Protein backbone atom coordinates (compact mmCIF):
# COMPACT_ATOMS: atom_id res chain seq x y z
CA UNK A 1 18.82 -13.37 13.91
CA UNK A 2 18.80 -14.02 10.18
CA UNK A 3 18.85 -11.38 7.46
CA UNK A 4 15.27 -12.06 6.31
CA UNK A 5 13.57 -11.57 9.71
CA UNK A 6 15.63 -8.42 10.29
CA UNK A 7 14.57 -7.02 6.92
CA UNK A 8 10.91 -7.91 7.53
CA UNK A 9 11.02 -6.19 10.92
CA UNK A 10 12.64 -3.11 9.36
CA UNK A 11 9.85 -2.88 6.77
CA UNK A 12 7.18 -3.28 9.46
CA UNK A 13 8.79 -0.55 11.57
CA UNK A 14 9.10 1.88 8.64
CA UNK A 15 5.46 1.32 7.65
CA UNK A 16 4.46 1.82 11.30
CA UNK A 17 6.44 5.06 11.47
CA UNK A 18 4.74 6.35 8.32
CA UNK A 19 1.34 5.43 9.74
CA UNK A 20 2.16 7.09 13.04
CA UNK A 21 2.91 10.35 11.24
CA UNK A 22 -0.52 10.17 9.60
CA UNK A 23 -2.08 9.72 13.05
CA UNK A 24 -0.02 12.51 14.61
CA UNK A 25 -0.74 15.03 11.90
CA UNK A 26 -3.98 14.05 10.18
CA UNK A 27 -6.09 12.19 12.69
CA UNK A 28 -5.21 14.49 15.57
CA UNK A 29 -6.16 17.55 13.51
CA UNK A 30 -9.46 15.95 12.46
CA UNK A 31 -10.33 14.96 16.02
CA UNK A 32 -9.49 18.40 17.40
CA UNK A 33 -11.53 20.09 14.66
CA UNK A 34 -14.49 17.86 15.52
CA UNK A 35 -14.10 18.63 19.24
CA UNK A 36 -14.06 22.39 18.56
CA UNK A 37 -17.18 22.11 16.36
CA UNK A 38 -18.97 20.21 19.13
CA UNK A 39 -18.19 23.00 21.58
CA UNK A 40 -15.65 21.21 23.76
CA UNK A 41 -13.54 23.42 25.98
CA UNK A 42 -10.33 24.64 24.31
CA UNK A 43 -8.32 23.25 27.22
CA UNK A 44 -9.77 19.78 26.60
CA UNK A 45 -8.89 20.01 22.90
CA UNK A 46 -5.30 20.97 23.70
CA UNK A 47 -4.95 18.21 26.30
CA UNK A 48 -6.35 15.55 23.97
CA UNK A 49 -4.08 16.71 21.14
CA UNK A 50 -1.05 16.72 23.44
CA UNK A 51 -1.80 13.23 24.74
CA UNK A 52 -2.19 11.84 21.22
CA UNK A 53 1.00 13.48 19.97
CA UNK A 54 3.02 12.44 23.04
CA UNK A 55 1.66 8.90 22.98
CA UNK A 56 2.53 8.44 19.32
CA UNK A 57 5.91 10.11 19.87
CA UNK A 58 6.77 7.51 22.52
CA UNK A 59 5.95 4.75 20.04
CA UNK A 60 8.06 6.46 17.38
CA UNK A 61 11.05 6.63 19.73
CA UNK A 62 10.70 2.90 20.37
CA UNK A 63 10.53 2.16 16.64
CA UNK A 64 13.58 4.28 15.78
CA UNK A 65 15.56 2.77 18.65
CA UNK A 66 14.69 -0.74 17.48
CA UNK A 67 15.80 0.21 13.95
CA UNK A 68 19.14 1.32 15.39
CA UNK A 69 19.44 -1.94 17.32
CA UNK A 70 18.68 -3.88 14.14
CA UNK A 71 21.56 -2.07 12.44
CA UNK A 72 23.82 -3.30 15.24
CA UNK A 73 22.41 -6.83 14.84
CA UNK A 74 23.19 -6.72 11.13
CA UNK A 75 26.81 -5.77 11.89
CA UNK A 76 27.09 -8.35 14.68
CA UNK A 77 27.65 -5.64 17.30
CA UNK A 78 24.47 -5.85 19.36
CA UNK A 79 26.44 -7.20 22.34
CA UNK A 80 28.44 -4.00 22.70
CA UNK A 81 28.11 -0.85 24.80
CA UNK A 82 26.80 0.90 21.66
CA UNK A 83 23.46 -0.90 22.12
CA UNK A 84 22.81 0.40 25.63
CA UNK A 85 21.74 3.98 24.78
CA UNK A 86 19.14 2.62 22.36
CA UNK A 87 17.75 0.31 25.02
CA UNK A 88 17.73 3.19 27.51
CA UNK A 89 15.66 5.25 25.07
CA UNK A 90 13.21 2.37 24.69
CA UNK A 91 12.83 2.08 28.46
CA UNK A 92 12.24 5.84 28.79
CA UNK A 93 9.73 5.87 25.93
CA UNK A 94 7.75 2.93 27.31
CA UNK A 95 7.71 4.52 30.77
CA UNK A 96 6.57 7.77 29.15
CA UNK A 97 3.81 5.87 27.37
CA UNK A 98 2.65 4.52 30.74
CA UNK A 99 2.38 8.11 31.99
CA UNK A 100 0.45 9.13 28.86
CA UNK A 101 -1.99 6.23 29.27
CA UNK A 102 -2.49 7.10 32.94
CA UNK A 103 -3.07 10.73 31.91
CA UNK A 104 -5.87 9.54 29.63
CA UNK A 105 -7.52 7.90 32.65
CA UNK A 106 -7.09 11.09 34.69
CA UNK A 107 -8.58 13.13 31.85
CA UNK A 108 -11.54 10.76 31.73
CA UNK A 109 -12.08 11.08 35.47
CA UNK A 110 -11.89 14.88 35.32
CA UNK A 111 -14.34 15.02 32.42
CA UNK A 112 -16.72 12.76 34.36
CA UNK A 113 -16.59 15.18 37.31
CA UNK A 114 -17.14 18.27 35.16
CA UNK A 115 -20.03 17.05 33.00
CA UNK A 116 -23.44 15.72 33.97
CA UNK A 117 -23.53 11.96 33.60
CA UNK A 118 -20.49 9.91 32.83
CA UNK A 119 -18.64 10.57 29.58
CA UNK A 120 -16.58 7.46 30.31
CA UNK A 121 -17.77 4.56 32.39
CA UNK A 122 -15.92 4.42 35.73
CA UNK A 123 -14.99 0.82 34.96
CA UNK A 124 -13.37 1.94 31.72
CA UNK A 125 -11.30 4.50 33.61
CA UNK A 126 -10.18 1.72 35.95
CA UNK A 127 -9.27 -0.46 32.97
CA UNK A 128 -7.22 2.37 31.46
CA UNK A 129 -5.36 2.67 34.77
CA UNK A 130 -4.71 -1.07 34.60
CA UNK A 131 -3.34 -0.74 31.07
CA UNK A 132 -1.04 2.01 32.34
CA UNK A 133 0.23 -0.34 35.03
CA UNK A 134 0.87 -3.08 32.46
CA UNK A 135 2.79 -0.66 30.22
CA UNK A 136 4.90 0.40 33.22
CA UNK A 137 5.54 -3.30 33.87
CA UNK A 138 6.77 -3.67 30.29
CA UNK A 139 9.27 -0.87 30.93
CA UNK A 140 10.52 -2.80 33.97
CA UNK A 141 10.85 -6.01 31.95
CA UNK A 142 12.89 -4.15 29.33
CA UNK A 143 15.06 -2.77 32.14
CA UNK A 144 15.74 -6.34 33.31
CA UNK A 145 16.60 -7.30 29.73
CA UNK A 146 18.99 -4.34 29.63
CA UNK A 147 20.78 -5.74 32.66
CA UNK A 148 21.09 -9.06 30.85
CA UNK A 149 22.49 -7.20 27.83
CA UNK A 150 25.09 -5.55 30.09
CA UNK A 151 26.15 -8.98 31.37
CA UNK A 152 26.26 -10.42 27.85
CA UNK A 153 28.31 -7.45 26.68
CA UNK A 154 30.82 -8.01 29.49
CA UNK A 155 31.05 -11.70 28.66
CA UNK A 156 31.52 -10.88 24.97
CA UNK A 157 34.33 -8.47 25.86
CA UNK A 158 36.02 -11.18 27.95
CA UNK A 159 35.73 -13.68 25.10
CA UNK A 160 37.10 -11.16 22.59
CA UNK A 161 40.01 -10.37 24.93
CA UNK A 162 40.80 -14.07 25.38
CA UNK A 163 40.76 -14.73 21.63
């Protein structure tokens, strides 16, 4: 990967991290304040805030791990055992995001049961469950890519030993 694409990706990730902090701190506080004013149950406010913060945290872990991998790319060391912990963190964060998305669907279903009428359409809850399944699938794809990285790292070590 060339220096320019790596630098562009780094800028995008840093801007995304800054934006995610705004969402975690500002937007979550505004939403929770609005929910309290509208008379929503305190438990619901806490659950919504926790899901937002955890969901964004998972994305932040992915971004920071990718930044660390990009540092290895820049040094030409991405095919080394040093890359594996970063990939493991990405897998865990994406799997965690799948759990957070599924929790949103569960929250929607619970709210539908506790309030008259449907706050969320049942079809929307099903779609959110589907999104959760897709996100879990992404974690599995990254796990497969990790296995390929392990093989490439072993081959690189053999080539370095032969040279």
